[in-house]
Amino acid sequence: MQGPGELAEYSQLNQEFHKRIFDTCPNHTAVEVTWTLKSQMRKYNTKTILIPFRPERSFAEHTTIAQAIRDRDAAAAEQAMKEYLNNVREAFLQNSSLLF
């Protein structure tokens, strides 16, 4: 992922990916809380794709999550989500001067 158009498209697809997961979640309260947090973080999340190699890592992490969901493997999906969230957290911490 190199150019601005590709990054914008990836960002849009990323939002759709999350929406699809949330749309299937039976816990509507959790979804509402998560959407609220995501909307507050959106200005930072869109900047994370500018961090070198983060788009590629994010894509790989999302692929792992999607595969676990397709396999109906809740434990693998949970583990993949934890790893993804930890990696996002680390990206924020290591690149805070770019993001804030």
PDB file of N, CA and C in Angstrom:
ATOM      1  N   MET A   1       0.837  -1.172   0.000  1.00  0.00           N
ATOM      2  CA  MET A   1       0.000   0.000   0.000  1.00  0.00           C
ATOM      3  C   MET A   1       0.883   1.236   0.000  1.00  0.00           C
ATOM      4  N   GLN A   2       0.786   1.973  -1.069  1.00  0.00           N
ATOM      5  CA  GLN A   2       1.689   3.096  -1.216  1.00  0.00           C
ATOM      6  C   GLN A   2       0.991   4.443  -1.309  1.00  0.00           C
ATOM      7  N   GLY A   3       0.182   4.614  -2.323  1.00  0.00           N
ATOM      8  CA  GLY A   3      -0.368   5.923  -2.619  1.00  0.00           C
ATOM      9  C   GLY A   3      -1.563   6.292  -1.765  1.00  0.00           C
ATOM     10  N   PRO A   4      -1.887   7.589  -1.765  1.00  0.00           N
ATOM     11  CA  PRO A   4      -3.021   8.077  -0.972  1.00  0.00           C
ATOM     12  C   PRO A   4      -4.337   7.392  -1.325  1.00  0.00           C
ATOM     13  N   GLY A   5      -4.550   7.114  -2.617  1.00  0.00           N
ATOM     14  CA  GLY A   5      -5.780   6.447  -3.030  1.00  0.00           C
ATOM     15  C   GLY A   5      -5.893   5.057  -2.433  1.00  0.00           C
ATOM     16  N   GLU A   6      -4.777   4.348  -2.428  1.00  0.00           N
ATOM     17  CA  GLU A   6      -4.774   3.007  -1.852  1.00  0.00           C
ATOM     18  C   GLU A   6      -5.014   3.061  -0.354  1.00  0.00           C
ATOM     19  N   LEU A   7      -4.409   4.028   0.312  1.00  0.00           N
ATOM     20  CA  LEU A   7      -4.591   4.153   1.759  1.00  0.00           C
ATOM     21  C   LEU A   7      -6.032   4.526   2.091  1.00  0.00           C
ATOM     22  N   ALA A   8      -6.615   5.397   1.300  1.00  0.00           N
ATOM     23  CA  ALA A   8      -8.013   5.786   1.526  1.00  0.00           C
ATOM     24  C   ALA A   8      -8.930   4.593   1.308  1.00  0.00           C
ATOM     25  N   GLU A   9      -8.660   3.817   0.261  1.00  0.00           N
ATOM     26  CA  GLU A   9      -9.477   2.631  -0.006  1.00  0.00           C
ATOM     27  C   GLU A   9      -9.325   1.615   1.125  1.00  0.00           C
ATOM     28  N   TYR A  10      -8.089   1.413   1.575  1.00  0.00           N
ATOM     29  CA  TYR A  10      -7.867   0.481   2.683  1.00  0.00           C
ATOM     30  C   TYR A  10      -8.612   0.943   3.930  1.00  0.00           C
ATOM     31  N   SER A  11      -8.570   2.217   4.212  1.00  0.00           N
ATOM     32  CA  SER A  11      -9.261   2.764   5.378  1.00  0.00           C
ATOM     33  C   SER A  11     -10.760   2.499   5.283  1.00  0.00           C
ATOM     34  N   GLN A  12     -11.334   2.702   4.094  1.00  0.00           N
ATOM     35  CA  GLN A  12     -12.764   2.451   3.889  1.00  0.00           C
ATOM     36  C   GLN A  12     -13.085   0.973   4.076  1.00  0.00           C
ATOM     37  N   LEU A  13     -12.270   0.102   3.494  1.00  0.00           N
ATOM     38  CA  LEU A  13     -12.489  -1.342   3.641  1.00  0.00           C
ATOM     39  C   LEU A  13     -12.345  -1.779   5.095  1.00  0.00           C
ATOM     40  N   ASN A  14     -11.423  -1.153   5.799  1.00  0.00           N
ATOM     41  CA  ASN A  14     -11.231  -1.449   7.217  1.00  0.00           C
ATOM     42  C   ASN A  14     -12.488  -1.115   8.016  1.00  0.00           C
ATOM     43  N   GLN A  15     -13.087   0.028   7.724  1.00  0.00           N
ATOM     44  CA  GLN A  15     -14.325   0.413   8.401  1.00  0.00           C
ATOM     45  C   GLN A  15     -15.447  -0.573   8.090  1.00  0.00           C
ATOM     46  N   GLU A  16     -15.528  -1.013   6.839  1.00  0.00           N
ATOM     47  CA  GLU A  16     -16.552  -1.982   6.452  1.00  0.00           C
ATOM     48  C   GLU A  16     -16.339  -3.325   7.156  1.00  0.00           C
ATOM     49  N   PHE A  17     -15.077  -3.721   7.278  1.00  0.00           N
ATOM     50  CA  PHE A  17     -14.741  -4.969   7.972  1.00  0.00           C
ATOM     51  C   PHE A  17     -15.272  -4.934   9.399  1.00  0.00           C
ATOM     52  N   HIS A  18     -14.988  -3.840  10.104  1.00  0.00           N
ATOM     53  CA  HIS A  18     -15.450  -3.718  11.489  1.00  0.00           C
ATOM     54  C   HIS A  18     -16.975  -3.678  11.558  1.00  0.00           C
ATOM     55  N   LYS A  19     -17.588  -2.972  10.641  1.00  0.00           N
ATOM     56  CA  LYS A  19     -19.052  -2.883  10.635  1.00  0.00           C
ATOM     57  C   LYS A  19     -19.679  -4.263  10.454  1.00  0.00           C
ATOM     58  N   ARG A  20     -19.135  -5.057   9.567  1.00  0.00           N
ATOM     59  CA  ARG A  20     -19.683  -6.405   9.350  1.00  0.00           C
ATOM     60  C   ARG A  20     -19.598  -7.258  10.618  1.00  0.00           C
ATOM     61  N   ILE A  21     -18.496  -7.145  11.314  1.00  0.00           N
ATOM     62  CA  ILE A  21     -18.359  -7.901  12.564  1.00  0.00           C
ATOM     63  C   ILE A  21     -19.375  -7.396  13.573  1.00  0.00           C
ATOM     64  N   PHE A  22     -19.471  -6.085  13.720  1.00  0.00           N
ATOM     65  CA  PHE A  22     -20.408  -5.518  14.695  1.00  0.00           C
ATOM     66  C   PHE A  22     -21.854  -5.850  14.346  1.00  0.00           C
ATOM     67  N   ASP A  23     -22.162  -5.887  13.055  1.00  0.00           N
ATOM     68  CA  ASP A  23     -23.531  -6.190  12.632  1.00  0.00           C
ATOM     69  C   ASP A  23     -23.964  -7.592  13.026  1.00  0.00           C
ATOM     70  N   THR A  24     -23.020  -8.498  13.184  1.00  0.00           N
ATOM     71  CA  THR A  24     -23.365  -9.875  13.540  1.00  0.00           C
ATOM     72  C   THR A  24     -23.320 -10.129  15.043  1.00  0.00           C
ATOM     73  N   CYS A  25     -22.865  -9.157  15.795  1.00  0.00           N
ATOM     74  CA  CYS A  25     -22.728  -9.325  17.247  1.00  0.00           C
ATOM     75  C   CYS A  25     -24.097  -9.217  17.923  1.00  0.00           C
ATOM     76  N   PRO A  26     -24.448 -10.221  18.733  1.00  0.00           N
ATOM     77  CA  PRO A  26     -25.743 -10.182  19.410  1.00  0.00           C
ATOM     78  C   PRO A  26     -25.780  -9.233  20.617  1.00  0.00           C
ATOM     79  N   ASN A  27     -24.612  -8.800  21.086  1.00  0.00           N
ATOM     80  CA  ASN A  27     -24.553  -7.926  22.252  1.00  0.00           C
ATOM     81  C   ASN A  27     -24.584  -6.476  21.780  1.00  0.00           C
ATOM     82  N   HIS A  28     -25.789  -5.945  21.638  1.00  0.00           N
ATOM     83  CA  HIS A  28     -25.962  -4.606  21.081  1.00  0.00           C
ATOM     84  C   HIS A  28     -25.363  -3.517  21.972  1.00  0.00           C
ATOM     85  N   THR A  29     -25.369  -3.726  23.268  1.00  0.00           N
ATOM     86  CA  THR A  29     -24.759  -2.745  24.175  1.00  0.00           C
ATOM     87  C   THR A  29     -23.257  -2.666  23.940  1.00  0.00           C
ATOM     88  N   ALA A  30     -22.613  -3.819  23.812  1.00  0.00           N
ATOM     89  CA  ALA A  30     -21.171  -3.838  23.555  1.00  0.00           C
ATOM     90  C   ALA A  30     -20.849  -3.163  22.219  1.00  0.00           C
ATOM     91  N   VAL A  31     -21.673  -3.415  21.233  1.00  0.00           N
ATOM     92  CA  VAL A  31     -21.459  -2.802  19.918  1.00  0.00           C
ATOM     93  C   VAL A  31     -21.596  -1.289  20.018  1.00  0.00           C
ATOM     94  N   GLU A  32     -22.612  -0.832  20.726  1.00  0.00           N
ATOM     95  CA  GLU A  32     -22.840   0.609  20.881  1.00  0.00           C
ATOM     96  C   GLU A  32     -21.652   1.282  21.574  1.00  0.00           C
ATOM     97  N   VAL A  33     -21.170   0.668  22.635  1.00  0.00           N
ATOM     98  CA  VAL A  33     -20.025   1.218  23.374  1.00  0.00           C
ATOM     99  C   VAL A  33     -18.791   1.229  22.480  1.00  0.00           C
ATOM    100  N   THR A  34     -18.575   0.152  21.763  1.00  0.00           N
ATOM    101  CA  THR A  34     -17.407   0.054  20.894  1.00  0.00           C
ATOM    102  C   THR A  34     -17.464   1.081  19.770  1.00  0.00           C
ATOM    103  N   TRP A  35     -18.637   1.259  19.150  1.00  0.00           N
ATOM    104  CA  TRP A  35     -18.783   2.265  18.094  1.00  0.00           C
ATOM    105  C   TRP A  35     -18.523   3.668  18.637  1.00  0.00           C
ATOM    106  N   THR A  36     -18.979   3.923  19.849  1.00  0.00           N
ATOM    107  CA  THR A  36     -18.746   5.234  20.459  1.00  0.00           C
ATOM    108  C   THR A  36     -17.252   5.475  20.641  1.00  0.00           C
ATOM    109  N   LEU A  37     -16.554   4.465  21.159  1.00  0.00           N
ATOM    110  CA  LEU A  37     -15.105   4.594  21.347  1.00  0.00           C
ATOM    111  C   LEU A  37     -14.393   4.743  20.005  1.00  0.00           C
ATOM    112  N   LYS A  38     -14.792   3.927  19.028  1.00  0.00           N
ATOM    113  CA  LYS A  38     -14.162   4.005  17.704  1.00  0.00           C
ATOM    114  C   LYS A  38     -14.380   5.377  17.074  1.00  0.00           C
ATOM    115  N   SER A  39     -15.563   5.936  17.228  1.00  0.00           N
ATOM    116  CA  SER A  39     -15.811   7.251  16.628  1.00  0.00           C
ATOM    117  C   SER A  39     -14.949   8.321  17.289  1.00  0.00           C
ATOM    118  N   GLN A  40     -14.701   8.190  18.589  1.00  0.00           N
ATOM    119  CA  GLN A  40     -13.835   9.145  19.282  1.00  0.00           C
ATOM    120  C   GLN A  40     -12.375   8.977  18.874  1.00  0.00           C
ATOM    121  N   MET A  41     -12.008   7.775  18.473  1.00  0.00           N
ATOM    122  CA  MET A  41     -10.622   7.481  18.101  1.00  0.00           C
ATOM    123  C   MET A  41     -10.378   7.602  16.595  1.00  0.00           C
ATOM    124  N   ARG A  42     -11.423   7.842  15.818  1.00  0.00           N
ATOM    125  CA  ARG A  42     -11.313   7.807  14.359  1.00  0.00           C
ATOM    126  C   ARG A  42     -10.194   8.696  13.822  1.00  0.00           C
ATOM    127  N   LYS A  43     -10.052   9.892  14.368  1.00  0.00           N
ATOM    128  CA  LYS A  43      -9.019  10.795  13.842  1.00  0.00           C
ATOM    129  C   LYS A  43      -7.621  10.236  14.048  1.00  0.00           C
ATOM    130  N   TYR A  44      -7.445   9.414  15.066  1.00  0.00           N
ATOM    131  CA  TYR A  44      -6.142   8.783  15.297  1.00  0.00           C
ATOM    132  C   TYR A  44      -6.010   7.515  14.472  1.00  0.00           C
ATOM    133  N   ASN A  45      -7.094   6.762  14.378  1.00  0.00           N
ATOM    134  CA  ASN A  45      -7.042   5.506  13.625  1.00  0.00           C
ATOM    135  C   ASN A  45      -6.702   5.740  12.165  1.00  0.00           C
ATOM    136  N   THR A  46      -7.231   6.802  11.582  1.00  0.00           N
ATOM    137  CA  THR A  46      -6.927   7.061  10.176  1.00  0.00           C
ATOM    138  C   THR A  46      -5.455   7.432   9.990  1.00  0.00           C
ATOM    139  N   LYS A  47      -4.826   7.923  11.027  1.00  0.00           N
ATOM    140  CA  LYS A  47      -3.407   8.264  10.937  1.00  0.00           C
ATOM    141  C   LYS A  47      -2.503   7.043  11.090  1.00  0.00           C
ATOM    142  N   THR A  48      -2.993   5.990  11.738  1.00  0.00           N
ATOM    143  CA  THR A  48      -2.127   4.826  11.964  1.00  0.00           C
ATOM    144  C   THR A  48      -1.716   4.169  10.659  1.00  0.00           C
ATOM    145  N   ILE A  49      -2.523   4.301   9.603  1.00  0.00           N
ATOM    146  CA  ILE A  49      -2.121   3.676   8.344  1.00  0.00           C
ATOM    147  C   ILE A  49      -0.947   4.403   7.689  1.00  0.00           C
ATOM    148  N   LEU A  50      -0.586   5.558   8.223  1.00  0.00           N
ATOM    149  CA  LEU A  50       0.588   6.275   7.718  1.00  0.00           C
ATOM    150  C   LEU A  50       1.877   5.792   8.369  1.00  0.00           C
ATOM    151  N   ILE A  51       1.754   5.000   9.434  1.00  0.00           N
ATOM    152  CA  ILE A  51       2.933   4.437  10.108  1.00  0.00           C
ATOM    153  C   ILE A  51       3.529   3.369   9.195  1.00  0.00           C
ATOM    154  N   PRO A  52       4.837   3.426   8.950  1.00  0.00           N
ATOM    155  CA  PRO A  52       5.453   2.437   8.065  1.00  0.00           C
ATOM    156  C   PRO A  52       5.114   0.998   8.475  1.00  0.00           C
ATOM    157  N   PHE A  53       4.705   0.221   7.499  1.00  0.00           N
ATOM    158  CA  PHE A  53       4.364  -1.200   7.614  1.00  0.00           C
ATOM    159  C   PHE A  53       3.081  -1.484   8.384  1.00  0.00           C
ATOM    160  N   ARG A  54       2.451  -0.472   8.984  1.00  0.00           N
ATOM    161  CA  ARG A  54       1.223  -0.718   9.740  1.00  0.00           C
ATOM    162  C   ARG A  54       0.081  -1.202   8.849  1.00  0.00           C
ATOM    163  N   PRO A  55      -0.110  -0.654   7.633  1.00  0.00           N
ATOM    164  CA  PRO A  55      -1.203  -1.177   6.801  1.00  0.00           C
ATOM    165  C   PRO A  55      -1.045  -2.675   6.495  1.00  0.00           C
ATOM    166  N   GLU A  56       0.167  -3.090   6.185  1.00  0.00           N
ATOM    167  CA  GLU A  56       0.407  -4.501   5.884  1.00  0.00           C
ATOM    168  C   GLU A  56       0.172  -5.378   7.117  1.00  0.00           C
ATOM    169  N   ARG A  57       0.635  -4.905   8.256  1.00  0.00           N
ATOM    170  CA  ARG A  57       0.428  -5.665   9.495  1.00  0.00           C
ATOM    171  C   ARG A  57      -1.053  -5.730   9.847  1.00  0.00           C
ATOM    172  N   SER A  58      -1.720  -4.605   9.692  1.00  0.00           N
ATOM    173  CA  SER A  58      -3.150  -4.549   9.971  1.00  0.00           C
ATOM    174  C   SER A  58      -3.909  -5.517   9.071  1.00  0.00           C
ATOM    175  N   PHE A  59      -3.557  -5.534   7.796  1.00  0.00           N
ATOM    176  CA  PHE A  59      -4.222  -6.434   6.856  1.00  0.00           C
ATOM    177  C   PHE A  59      -4.025  -7.887   7.285  1.00  0.00           C
ATOM    178  N   ALA A  60      -2.805  -8.242   7.653  1.00  0.00           N
ATOM    179  CA  ALA A  60      -2.527  -9.616   8.098  1.00  0.00           C
ATOM    180  C   ALA A  60      -3.314  -9.944   9.369  1.00  0.00           C
ATOM    181  N   GLU A  61      -3.368  -9.001  10.290  1.00  0.00           N
ATOM    182  CA  GLU A  61      -4.115  -9.217  11.542  1.00  0.00           C
ATOM    183  C   GLU A  61      -5.604  -9.391  11.258  1.00  0.00           C
ATOM    184  N   HIS A  62      -6.142  -8.563  10.385  1.00  0.00           N
ATOM    185  CA  HIS A  62      -7.557  -8.667  10.038  1.00  0.00           C
ATOM    186  C   HIS A  62      -7.852  -9.982   9.316  1.00  0.00           C
ATOM    187  N   THR A  63      -6.929 -10.422   8.482  1.00  0.00           N
ATOM    188  CA  THR A  63      -7.094 -11.701   7.783  1.00  0.00           C
ATOM    189  C   THR A  63      -7.163 -12.852   8.784  1.00  0.00           C
ATOM    190  N   THR A  64      -6.307 -12.822   9.795  1.00  0.00           N
ATOM    191  CA  THR A  64      -6.311 -13.853  10.830  1.00  0.00           C
ATOM    192  C   THR A  64      -7.631 -13.844  11.593  1.00  0.00           C
ATOM    193  N   ILE A  65      -8.095 -12.668  11.939  1.00  0.00           N
ATOM    194  CA  ILE A  65      -9.378 -12.540  12.653  1.00  0.00           C
ATOM    195  C   ILE A  65     -10.510 -13.083  11.785  1.00  0.00           C
ATOM    196  N   ALA A  66     -10.549 -12.667  10.532  1.00  0.00           N
ATOM    197  CA  ALA A  66     -11.616 -13.106   9.623  1.00  0.00           C
ATOM    198  C   ALA A  66     -11.605 -14.623   9.450  1.00  0.00           C
ATOM    199  N   GLN A  67     -10.419 -15.211   9.342  1.00  0.00           N
ATOM    200  CA  GLN A  67     -10.332 -16.658   9.175  1.00  0.00           C
ATOM    201  C   GLN A  67     -10.856 -17.382  10.414  1.00  0.00           C
ATOM    202  N   ALA A  68     -10.524 -16.882  11.578  1.00  0.00           N
ATOM    203  CA  ALA A  68     -11.021 -17.498  12.812  1.00  0.00           C
ATOM    204  C   ALA A  68     -12.542 -17.402  12.888  1.00  0.00           C
ATOM    205  N   ILE A  69     -13.086 -16.277  12.458  1.00  0.00           N
ATOM    206  CA  ILE A  69     -14.546 -16.114  12.443  1.00  0.00           C
ATOM    207  C   ILE A  69     -15.167 -17.086  11.441  1.00  0.00           C
ATOM    208  N   ARG A  70     -14.581 -17.164  10.247  1.00  0.00           N
ATOM    209  CA  ARG A  70     -15.097 -18.103   9.240  1.00  0.00           C
ATOM    210  C   ARG A  70     -15.059 -19.539   9.746  1.00  0.00           C
ATOM    211  N   ASP A  71     -14.000 -19.864  10.497  1.00  0.00           N
ATOM    212  CA  ASP A  71     -13.849 -21.212  11.051  1.00  0.00           C
ATOM    213  C   ASP A  71     -14.722 -21.446  12.283  1.00  0.00           C
ATOM    214  N   ARG A  72     -15.400 -20.377  12.721  1.00  0.00           N
ATOM    215  CA  ARG A  72     -16.221 -20.433  13.938  1.00  0.00           C
ATOM    216  C   ARG A  72     -15.398 -20.873  15.152  1.00  0.00           C
ATOM    217  N   ASP A  73     -14.162 -20.388  15.186  1.00  0.00           N
ATOM    218  CA  ASP A  73     -13.241 -20.702  16.271  1.00  0.00           C
ATOM    219  C   ASP A  73     -13.151 -19.484  17.188  1.00  0.00           C
ATOM    220  N   ALA A  74     -14.016 -19.473  18.187  1.00  0.00           N
ATOM    221  CA  ALA A  74     -14.112 -18.316  19.081  1.00  0.00           C
ATOM    222  C   ALA A  74     -12.805 -18.049  19.813  1.00  0.00           C
ATOM    223  N   ALA A  75     -12.133 -19.112  20.263  1.00  0.00           N
ATOM    224  CA  ALA A  75     -10.874 -18.924  20.996  1.00  0.00           C
ATOM    225  C   ALA A  75      -9.807 -18.302  20.101  1.00  0.00           C
ATOM    226  N   ALA A  76      -9.719 -18.767  18.859  1.00  0.00           N
ATOM    227  CA  ALA A  76      -8.732 -18.206  17.928  1.00  0.00           C
ATOM    228  C   ALA A  76      -9.084 -16.765  17.575  1.00  0.00           C
ATOM    229  N   ALA A  77     -10.385 -16.491  17.398  1.00  0.00           N
ATOM    230  CA  ALA A  77     -10.811 -15.114  17.091  1.00  0.00           C
ATOM    231  C   ALA A  77     -10.474 -14.192  18.253  1.00  0.00           C
ATOM    232  N   GLU A  78     -10.735 -14.647  19.468  1.00  0.00           N
ATOM    233  CA  GLU A  78     -10.424 -13.828  20.645  1.00  0.00           C
ATOM    234  C   GLU A  78      -8.924 -13.574  20.747  1.00  0.00           C
ATOM    235  N   GLN A  79      -8.124 -14.610  20.540  1.00  0.00           N
ATOM    236  CA  GLN A  79      -6.673 -14.454  20.613  1.00  0.00           C
ATOM    237  C   GLN A  79      -6.176 -13.504  19.522  1.00  0.00           C
ATOM    238  N   ALA A  80      -6.709 -13.647  18.322  1.00  0.00           N
ATOM    239  CA  ALA A  80      -6.306 -12.771  17.212  1.00  0.00           C
ATOM    240  C   ALA A  80      -6.688 -11.327  17.504  1.00  0.00           C
ATOM    241  N   MET A  81      -7.862 -11.123  18.090  1.00  0.00           N
ATOM    242  CA  MET A  81      -8.292  -9.761  18.448  1.00  0.00           C
ATOM    243  C   MET A  81      -7.379  -9.162  19.513  1.00  0.00           C
ATOM    244  N   LYS A  82      -7.029  -9.972  20.512  1.00  0.00           N
ATOM    245  CA  LYS A  82      -6.131  -9.474  21.560  1.00  0.00           C
ATOM    246  C   LYS A  82      -4.786  -9.073  20.979  1.00  0.00           C
ATOM    247  N   GLU A  83      -4.262  -9.890  20.069  1.00  0.00           N
ATOM    248  CA  GLU A  83      -2.983  -9.563  19.439  1.00  0.00           C
ATOM    249  C   GLU A  83      -3.103  -8.294  18.594  1.00  0.00           C
ATOM    250  N   TYR A  84      -4.187  -8.191  17.855  1.00  0.00           N
ATOM    251  CA  TYR A  84      -4.425  -7.002  17.031  1.00  0.00           C
ATOM    252  C   TYR A  84      -4.494  -5.753  17.903  1.00  0.00           C
ATOM    253  N   LEU A  85      -5.294  -5.794  18.961  1.00  0.00           N
ATOM    254  CA  LEU A  85      -5.436  -4.626  19.833  1.00  0.00           C
ATOM    255  C   LEU A  85      -4.116  -4.272  20.508  1.00  0.00           C
ATOM    256  N   ASN A  86      -3.359  -5.273  20.901  1.00  0.00           N
ATOM    257  CA  ASN A  86      -2.050  -5.012  21.496  1.00  0.00           C
ATOM    258  C   ASN A  86      -1.117  -4.355  20.477  1.00  0.00           C
ATOM    259  N   ASN A  87      -1.158  -4.829  19.237  1.00  0.00           N
ATOM    260  CA  ASN A  87      -0.313  -4.244  18.194  1.00  0.00           C
ATOM    261  C   ASN A  87      -0.718  -2.803  17.875  1.00  0.00           C
ATOM    262  N   VAL A  88      -2.020  -2.540  17.871  1.00  0.00           N
ATOM    263  CA  VAL A  88      -2.488  -1.169  17.662  1.00  0.00           C
ATOM    264  C   VAL A  88      -2.014  -0.280  18.808  1.00  0.00           C
ATOM    265  N   ARG A  89      -2.154  -0.789  20.019  1.00  0.00           N
ATOM    266  CA  ARG A  89      -1.695  -0.045  21.209  1.00  0.00           C
ATOM    267  C   ARG A  89      -0.209   0.274  21.095  1.00  0.00           C
ATOM    268  N   GLU A  90       0.584  -0.724  20.713  1.00  0.00           N
ATOM    269  CA  GLU A  90       2.029  -0.512  20.565  1.00  0.00           C
ATOM    270  C   GLU A  90       2.326   0.506  19.464  1.00  0.00           C
ATOM    271  N   ALA A  91       1.583   0.447  18.374  1.00  0.00           N
ATOM    272  CA  ALA A  91       1.774   1.412  17.285  1.00  0.00           C
ATOM    273  C   ALA A  91       1.488   2.828  17.781  1.00  0.00           C
ATOM    274  N   PHE A  92       0.438   2.978  18.593  1.00  0.00           N
ATOM    275  CA  PHE A  92       0.125   4.286  19.176  1.00  0.00           C
ATOM    276  C   PHE A  92       1.255   4.754  20.079  1.00  0.00           C
ATOM    277  N   LEU A  93       1.714   3.873  20.937  1.00  0.00           N
ATOM    278  CA  LEU A  93       2.760   4.258  21.888  1.00  0.00           C
ATOM    279  C   LEU A  93       4.073   4.617  21.183  1.00  0.00           C
ATOM    280  N   GLN A  94       4.448   3.819  20.198  1.00  0.00           N
ATOM    281  CA  GLN A  94       5.719   4.033  19.517  1.00  0.00           C
ATOM    282  C   GLN A  94       5.690   5.212  18.545  1.00  0.00           C
ATOM    283  N   ASN A  95       4.507   5.640  18.157  1.00  0.00           N
ATOM    284  CA  ASN A  95       4.391   6.706  17.152  1.00  0.00           C
ATOM    285  C   ASN A  95       3.530   7.843  17.608  1.00  0.00           C
ATOM    286  N   SER A  96       3.452   8.052  18.904  1.00  0.00           N
ATOM    287  CA  SER A  96       2.549   9.072  19.449  1.00  0.00           C
ATOM    288  C   SER A  96       2.836  10.469  18.899  1.00  0.00           C
ATOM    289  N   SER A  97       4.084  10.759  18.590  1.00  0.00           N
ATOM    290  CA  SER A  97       4.384  12.096  18.069  1.00  0.00           C
ATOM    291  C   SER A  97       3.767  12.312  16.681  1.00  0.00           C
ATOM    292  N   LEU A  98       3.540  11.246  15.941  1.00  0.00           N
ATOM    293  CA  LEU A  98       2.909  11.361  14.624  1.00  0.00           C
ATOM    294  C   LEU A  98       1.399  11.426  14.723  1.00  0.00           C
ATOM    295  N   LEU A  99       0.862  10.869  15.800  1.00  0.00           N
ATOM    296  CA  LEU A  99      -0.580  10.680  15.894  1.00  0.00           C
ATOM    297  C   LEU A  99      -1.285  11.776  16.681  1.00  0.00           C
ATOM    298  N   PHE A 100      -0.595  12.395  17.620  1.00  0.00           N
ATOM    299  CA  PHE A 100      -1.247  13.356  18.504  1.00  0.00           C
ATOM    300  C   PHE A 100      -0.729  14.759  18.296  1.00  0.00           C
TER     301      PHE A 100
END
